[in-house]
Amino acid sequence: MDEPVMLSAWGMALLQALLYPALAPLLIGWVRKVKARLHNRRGASVLQPYRDLRKLLAKETRVAHTASPLFRLAPYVVFVATWLAAATVPLVARDLPTAQIADIIVLVGLLGLARFFLALAGMDVGTAFGGMGASREMMVSSLAEPAMLVAVFTLAMSAHSTSLSSVIGYHLTEGFVVRPSYLFAFGALVLVALAESGRIPVDNPTTHLELTMIHEGMLLEYTGRHLALMELAAHLKLMLYGVLIANVFVPWGIGQAFAPVALVLGLGAILLKLAVLGAALAIGETVVAKMRLFRAPAFLNLALLLALLGLLSHVILEVGA
């Protein structure tokens, strides 16, 4: 690859990484808008999450006297780790220079790092609700991570690579083929995405009822820019899973070259996919109620079961054949 093309590729990788925090609040605003319409309400503007983040950034940051330096450091680590994890998932173009190091293992590791510091921050101040939220978060993650790994490894076995760019390229080359393993993996990944991003039925991102909080319980002591970083990291996580589902299972439209036309089409395609997924999420959260906390393990066990069925289907029907 000559030098101008290489510079263009690195520029595209940087632009793609910057698009994640730029578009993540818009996805949240779209989901809230659709939910409001389904409730026969006008609802806030889709740009309201941007206004909320700007308001938080302008506020003074207050820290509890019992907080350690870890409490101040955690928002930056959580945001950067989640942002880097999102940047590993191809958004508008594939075959970027970062594709060699951006694979499934790196993605799960960065998400685990962000979750680790989030749980530590929740317990650091010593409040009851922070510790309760941290313990619940680790319980959910311990059940969700195996299901996610098995589901994505099912796709990686087809492409013979753990690189997400290679998986997407394989699906584009093979064309649309309905495989039982993909259907099971898709179902498992959707359930994991709902749990990991703190959405209904596992968690409710809009509630402040202490006894039911998971993610919000760990953020009660944060204010100002620290809370803004934590909220933006949560927005990024939802968009990460949305892009992962959209571009891995429905990869058509993603840019195959660094030509302006291909990149514009890739951006339009992913925005359309995210709009559809956001609307589906809003509909699901409208018709389904939040489950009790003790039923969350059964919910995630179902995700693991679907992922294992997908893996077995791939081994029996494709490898065995």
Protein backbone atom coordinates (compact mmCIF):
# COMPACT_ATOMS: atom_id res chain seq x y z
CA MET A 1 0.00 0.00 0.00
CA ASP A 2 1.55 3.32 -1.07
CA GLU A 3 1.97 6.24 1.34
CA PRO A 4 -1.02 8.39 0.24
CA VAL A 5 -3.39 5.43 0.54
CA MET A 6 -1.93 4.53 3.93
CA LEU A 7 -2.41 8.09 5.21
CA SER A 8 -5.97 8.03 3.90
CA ALA A 9 -6.61 4.74 5.68
CA TRP A 10 -5.28 6.04 9.00
CA GLY A 11 -7.32 9.21 8.56
CA MET A 12 -10.42 7.09 8.00
CA ALA A 13 -9.65 5.06 11.11
CA LEU A 14 -9.39 8.26 13.16
CA LEU A 15 -12.59 9.66 11.64
CA GLN A 16 -14.44 6.43 12.36
CA ALA A 17 -13.29 6.53 15.99
CA LEU A 18 -14.50 10.13 16.32
CA LEU A 19 -17.89 9.27 14.82
CA TYR A 20 -18.71 6.97 17.71
CA PRO A 21 -18.91 9.62 20.48
CA ALA A 22 -20.43 12.05 17.99
CA LEU A 23 -23.32 9.75 17.04
CA ALA A 24 -23.88 7.78 20.26
CA PRO A 25 -26.05 10.46 21.97
CA LEU A 26 -28.09 10.75 18.78
CA LEU A 27 -28.97 7.05 18.99
CA ILE A 28 -30.09 7.51 22.61
CA GLY A 29 -32.20 10.51 21.60
CA TRP A 30 -33.79 8.53 18.77
CA VAL A 31 -34.74 5.66 21.08
CA ARG A 32 -36.28 8.08 23.60
CA LYS A 33 -38.18 9.89 20.84
CA VAL A 34 -39.68 6.69 19.45
CA LYS A 35 -40.65 5.55 22.95
CA ALA A 36 -42.35 8.88 23.61
CA ARG A 37 -44.32 8.60 20.37
CA LEU A 38 -45.40 5.08 21.30
CA HIS A 39 -46.64 6.48 24.62
CA ASN A 40 -48.63 9.17 22.78
CA ARG A 41 -46.29 11.89 24.01
CA ARG A 42 -44.43 14.49 22.02
CA GLY A 43 -41.14 13.74 23.72
CA ALA A 44 -37.91 15.70 23.83
CA SER A 45 -35.81 16.43 20.77
CA VAL A 46 -33.44 13.75 19.53
CA LEU A 47 -30.68 16.25 20.31
CA GLN A 48 -31.59 16.40 24.02
CA PRO A 49 -28.77 14.00 25.08
CA TYR A 50 -26.24 16.45 23.62
CA ARG A 51 -27.78 19.25 25.70
CA ASP A 52 -27.69 17.08 28.82
CA LEU A 53 -24.00 16.29 28.32
CA ARG A 54 -23.18 19.95 27.71
CA LYS A 55 -25.03 20.91 30.89
CA LEU A 56 -23.12 18.33 32.92
CA LEU A 57 -19.79 19.45 31.51
CA ALA A 58 -20.55 23.03 32.58
CA LYS A 59 -21.40 22.05 36.15
CA GLU A 60 -18.96 21.98 39.04
CA THR A 61 -17.55 18.59 39.92
CA ARG A 62 -18.12 17.59 43.53
CA VAL A 63 -16.32 14.63 45.13
CA ALA A 64 -17.12 12.93 48.43
CA HIS A 65 -14.58 13.30 51.24
CA THR A 66 -14.23 9.53 51.50
CA ALA A 67 -13.37 9.14 47.80
CA SER A 68 -9.90 7.99 46.78
CA PRO A 69 -7.98 9.10 43.68
CA LEU A 70 -9.43 6.02 41.97
CA PHE A 71 -12.88 7.62 42.13
CA ARG A 72 -11.61 10.61 40.14
CA LEU A 73 -9.65 8.46 37.69
CA ALA A 74 -12.41 5.93 36.95
CA PRO A 75 -14.58 8.11 34.65
CA TYR A 76 -11.65 8.75 32.31
CA VAL A 77 -10.62 5.08 32.23
CA VAL A 78 -14.20 3.91 31.68
CA PHE A 79 -14.77 6.39 28.86
CA VAL A 80 -11.45 5.78 27.07
CA ALA A 81 -11.71 1.98 27.36
CA THR A 82 -15.29 1.97 26.07
CA TRP A 83 -14.35 4.35 23.26
CA LEU A 84 -11.41 2.17 22.21
CA ALA A 85 -13.64 -0.91 22.35
CA ALA A 86 -16.16 0.83 20.08
CA ALA A 87 -13.39 1.87 17.70
CA THR A 88 -12.51 -1.80 17.15
CA VAL A 89 -15.92 -2.42 15.52
CA PRO A 90 -15.99 -1.29 11.84
CA LEU A 91 -18.53 1.51 11.46
CA VAL A 92 -18.54 2.91 7.91
CA ALA A 93 -15.58 1.06 6.37
CA ARG A 94 -13.65 -2.14 6.87
CA ASP A 95 -10.04 -3.20 6.22
CA LEU A 96 -8.63 -0.27 8.18
CA PRO A 97 -5.02 -0.27 9.49
CA THR A 98 -6.33 -0.98 13.00
CA ALA A 99 -8.02 -4.21 11.84
CA GLN A 100 -4.93 -6.27 12.67
CA ILE A 101 -5.17 -5.52 16.39
CA ALA A 102 -8.92 -4.89 16.61
CA ASP A 103 -10.43 -8.32 17.08
CA ILE A 104 -12.99 -9.97 19.33
CA ILE A 105 -10.51 -10.66 22.14
CA VAL A 106 -9.45 -7.00 22.30
CA LEU A 107 -13.10 -5.90 22.24
CA VAL A 108 -14.07 -8.11 25.20
CA GLY A 109 -10.91 -7.17 27.10
CA LEU A 110 -11.52 -3.42 26.78
CA LEU A 111 -15.14 -3.79 27.84
CA GLY A 112 -13.98 -5.85 30.82
CA LEU A 113 -11.46 -3.14 31.78
CA ALA A 114 -14.17 -0.46 31.67
CA ARG A 115 -16.53 -2.62 33.74
CA PHE A 116 -13.81 -3.33 36.32
CA PHE A 117 -13.13 0.37 36.97
CA LEU A 118 -16.85 1.15 36.95
CA ALA A 119 -17.47 -1.41 39.68
CA LEU A 120 -14.49 -0.16 41.69
CA ALA A 121 -15.78 3.40 41.45
CA GLY A 122 -19.19 2.29 42.66
CA MET A 123 -17.66 0.71 45.77
CA ASP A 124 -15.00 3.35 46.40
CA VAL A 125 -17.05 5.91 48.31
CA GLY A 126 -18.57 3.23 50.52
CA THR A 127 -22.26 3.94 49.99
CA ALA A 128 -24.75 1.08 50.19
CA PHE A 129 -26.29 1.70 46.77
CA GLY A 130 -22.91 1.99 45.03
CA GLY A 131 -21.77 -1.34 46.41
CA MET A 132 -25.11 -2.95 45.59
CA GLY A 133 -24.97 -1.67 42.01
CA ALA A 134 -21.37 -2.87 41.63
CA SER A 135 -22.20 -6.38 42.85
CA ARG A 136 -25.18 -6.58 40.52
CA GLU A 137 -23.11 -5.31 37.59
CA MET A 138 -20.47 -7.98 38.14
CA MET A 139 -23.15 -10.67 38.43
CA VAL A 140 -24.65 -9.63 35.09
CA SER A 141 -21.27 -9.36 33.38
CA SER A 142 -20.09 -12.75 34.63
CA LEU A 143 -23.08 -14.33 32.89
CA ALA A 144 -23.14 -12.10 29.81
CA GLU A 145 -19.47 -12.33 28.80
CA PRO A 146 -19.42 -16.11 28.16
CA ALA A 147 -22.58 -15.85 26.04
CA MET A 148 -21.10 -13.00 24.03
CA LEU A 149 -17.81 -14.81 23.46
CA VAL A 150 -19.49 -18.02 22.32
CA ALA A 151 -21.89 -16.14 20.02
CA VAL A 152 -19.14 -14.12 18.34
CA PHE A 153 -16.79 -17.11 18.13
CA THR A 154 -19.52 -18.92 16.19
CA LEU A 155 -19.24 -16.21 13.55
CA ALA A 156 -15.44 -16.22 13.78
CA MET A 157 -15.32 -19.96 13.06
CA SER A 158 -17.06 -19.38 9.74
CA ALA A 159 -14.55 -16.73 8.71
CA HIS A 160 -11.59 -18.58 10.32
CA SER A 161 -10.53 -15.34 12.00
CA THR A 162 -11.28 -13.41 15.19
CA SER A 163 -10.89 -10.11 13.34
CA LEU A 164 -14.24 -8.37 12.98
CA SER A 165 -13.13 -6.90 9.67
CA SER A 166 -12.41 -10.39 8.34
CA VAL A 167 -15.76 -11.68 9.60
CA ILE A 168 -17.60 -8.86 7.84
CA GLY A 169 -15.58 -9.39 4.66
CA TYR A 170 -16.39 -13.11 4.70
CA HIS A 171 -20.11 -12.41 4.97
CA LEU A 172 -19.95 -9.91 2.14
CA THR A 173 -18.16 -12.44 -0.06
CA GLU A 174 -20.42 -15.37 0.73
CA GLY A 175 -23.64 -13.39 0.33
CA PHE A 176 -26.84 -13.80 2.32
CA VAL A 177 -27.17 -17.35 3.61
CA VAL A 178 -29.65 -18.27 6.35
CA ARG A 179 -27.75 -20.51 8.78
CA PRO A 180 -29.19 -21.90 12.03
CA SER A 181 -25.92 -21.05 13.76
CA TYR A 182 -26.27 -17.38 12.77
CA LEU A 183 -29.87 -17.21 13.97
CA PHE A 184 -28.92 -18.63 17.36
CA ALA A 185 -25.88 -16.34 17.61
CA PHE A 186 -28.01 -13.34 16.65
CA GLY A 187 -30.54 -14.12 19.39
CA ALA A 188 -27.80 -14.58 21.97
CA LEU A 189 -26.04 -11.34 21.03
CA VAL A 190 -29.29 -9.37 21.22
CA LEU A 191 -29.98 -10.65 24.74
CA VAL A 192 -26.40 -9.88 25.80
CA ALA A 193 -26.64 -6.38 24.31
CA LEU A 194 -29.78 -5.64 26.33
CA ALA A 195 -28.13 -6.80 29.55
CA GLU A 196 -24.73 -5.20 29.00
CA SER A 197 -26.12 -1.81 27.96
CA GLY A 198 -28.52 -1.72 30.92
CA ARG A 199 -31.78 -1.78 28.96
CA ILE A 200 -35.18 -3.27 29.72
CA PRO A 201 -35.91 -6.04 30.73
CA VAL A 202 -32.65 -6.40 32.72
CA ASP A 203 -32.25 -2.78 33.83
CA ASN A 204 -34.03 0.53 33.33
CA PRO A 205 -31.71 3.43 32.43
CA THR A 206 -34.34 6.04 33.39
CA THR A 207 -35.16 4.79 36.88
CA HIS A 208 -33.84 6.08 40.17
CA LEU A 209 -35.61 3.56 42.36
CA GLU A 210 -32.68 2.40 44.47
CA LEU A 211 -33.75 -1.20 44.97
CA THR A 212 -33.92 -1.90 41.22
CA MET A 213 -30.87 0.02 39.95
CA ILE A 214 -27.83 -1.67 38.50
CA HIS A 215 -25.86 0.75 36.34
CA GLU A 216 -27.35 3.95 37.80
CA GLY A 217 -26.55 2.83 41.34
CA MET A 218 -22.82 3.13 40.66
CA LEU A 219 -23.17 6.70 39.33
CA LEU A 220 -25.12 8.29 42.20
CA GLU A 221 -22.02 9.95 43.68
CA TYR A 222 -20.77 11.43 40.39
CA THR A 223 -21.45 14.99 39.26
CA GLY A 224 -20.27 17.41 36.60
CA ARG A 225 -17.84 16.28 33.94
CA HIS A 226 -17.26 12.95 35.71
CA LEU A 227 -20.95 12.08 35.33
CA ALA A 228 -20.88 13.34 31.73
CA LEU A 229 -18.04 10.94 30.90
CA MET A 230 -19.86 8.04 32.56
CA GLU A 231 -23.09 8.82 30.70
CA LEU A 232 -21.28 9.16 27.37
CA ALA A 233 -19.54 5.83 27.99
CA ALA A 234 -22.97 4.23 28.52
CA HIS A 235 -24.18 5.79 25.25
CA LEU A 236 -21.10 4.45 23.49
CA LYS A 237 -21.72 0.96 24.82
CA LEU A 238 -25.24 0.86 23.41
CA MET A 239 -24.02 2.10 20.04
CA LEU A 240 -21.16 -0.42 20.10
CA TYR A 241 -23.57 -3.32 20.39
CA GLY A 242 -25.89 -1.80 17.81
CA VAL A 243 -23.08 -1.44 15.27
CA LEU A 244 -21.76 -4.91 16.09
CA ILE A 245 -25.15 -6.50 15.41
CA ALA A 246 -25.83 -4.37 12.34
CA ASN A 247 -22.50 -4.71 10.57
CA VAL A 248 -21.76 -8.34 11.45
CA PHE A 249 -25.15 -9.84 10.66
CA VAL A 250 -26.25 -7.31 8.00
CA PRO A 251 -22.93 -5.99 6.61
CA TRP A 252 -24.24 -4.72 3.28
CA GLY A 253 -23.54 -1.06 2.66
CA ILE A 254 -20.30 -0.83 4.64
CA GLY A 255 -17.49 0.82 2.68
CA GLN A 256 -15.07 -1.51 0.92
CA ALA A 257 -12.80 1.28 -0.28
CA PHE A 258 -11.72 4.71 0.90
CA ALA A 259 -13.44 6.53 -1.95
CA PRO A 260 -15.71 9.40 -0.79
CA VAL A 261 -18.79 7.86 -2.41
CA ALA A 262 -18.26 4.51 -0.67
CA LEU A 263 -17.74 6.20 2.69
CA VAL A 264 -20.85 8.35 2.36
CA LEU A 265 -22.88 5.29 1.41
CA GLY A 266 -21.40 3.39 4.34
CA LEU A 267 -22.35 6.19 6.73
CA GLY A 268 -25.88 6.31 5.33
CA ALA A 269 -26.22 2.52 5.59
CA ILE A 270 -25.16 2.34 9.23
CA LEU A 271 -27.40 5.27 10.19
CA LEU A 272 -30.35 3.48 8.60
CA LYS A 273 -29.52 0.21 10.38
CA LEU A 274 -29.14 1.96 13.73
CA ALA A 275 -32.44 3.77 13.20
CA VAL A 276 -34.18 0.44 12.62
CA LEU A 277 -32.48 -1.18 15.63
CA GLY A 278 -33.25 1.86 17.81
CA ALA A 279 -36.91 1.73 16.82
CA ALA A 280 -37.01 -2.01 17.54
CA LEU A 281 -35.42 -1.38 20.95
CA ALA A 282 -37.99 1.31 21.74
CA ILE A 283 -40.86 -0.99 20.75
CA GLY A 284 -39.44 -3.82 22.85
CA GLU A 285 -39.02 -1.59 25.91
CA THR A 286 -42.60 -0.36 25.47
CA VAL A 287 -44.28 -3.77 25.34
CA VAL A 288 -41.99 -5.60 27.82
CA ALA A 289 -41.74 -4.73 31.51
CA LYS A 290 -38.56 -4.83 33.56
CA MET A 291 -38.06 -8.25 35.09
CA ARG A 292 -37.21 -8.90 38.70
CA LEU A 293 -33.52 -8.98 39.48
CA PHE A 294 -33.45 -12.63 40.51
CA ARG A 295 -34.71 -13.56 37.01
CA ALA A 296 -31.76 -11.88 35.28
CA PRO A 297 -29.54 -15.00 35.57
CA ALA A 298 -32.20 -17.08 33.80
CA PHE A 299 -32.38 -14.42 31.06
CA LEU A 300 -28.62 -14.57 30.51
CA ASN A 301 -28.57 -18.35 30.78
CA LEU A 302 -30.97 -18.32 27.83
CA ALA A 303 -28.46 -16.16 25.94
CA LEU A 304 -25.68 -18.66 26.72
CA LEU A 305 -27.90 -21.56 25.67
CA LEU A 306 -28.66 -19.88 22.33
CA ALA A 307 -24.95 -19.18 21.80
CA LEU A 308 -24.04 -22.81 22.55
CA LEU A 309 -26.77 -24.04 20.19
CA GLY A 310 -25.34 -21.79 17.53
CA LEU A 311 -21.84 -23.14 18.08
CA LEU A 312 -23.07 -26.75 18.00
CA SER A 313 -25.13 -26.05 14.88
CA HIS A 314 -22.06 -24.72 13.16
CA VAL A 315 -19.95 -27.72 14.14
CA ILE A 316 -22.58 -30.30 13.21
CA LEU A 317 -24.08 -28.80 10.06
CA GLU A 318 -21.09 -26.99 8.54
CA VAL A 319 -17.85 -28.42 9.90
CA GLY A 320 -19.24 -31.94 10.07
CA ALA A 321 -20.56 -31.75 6.52
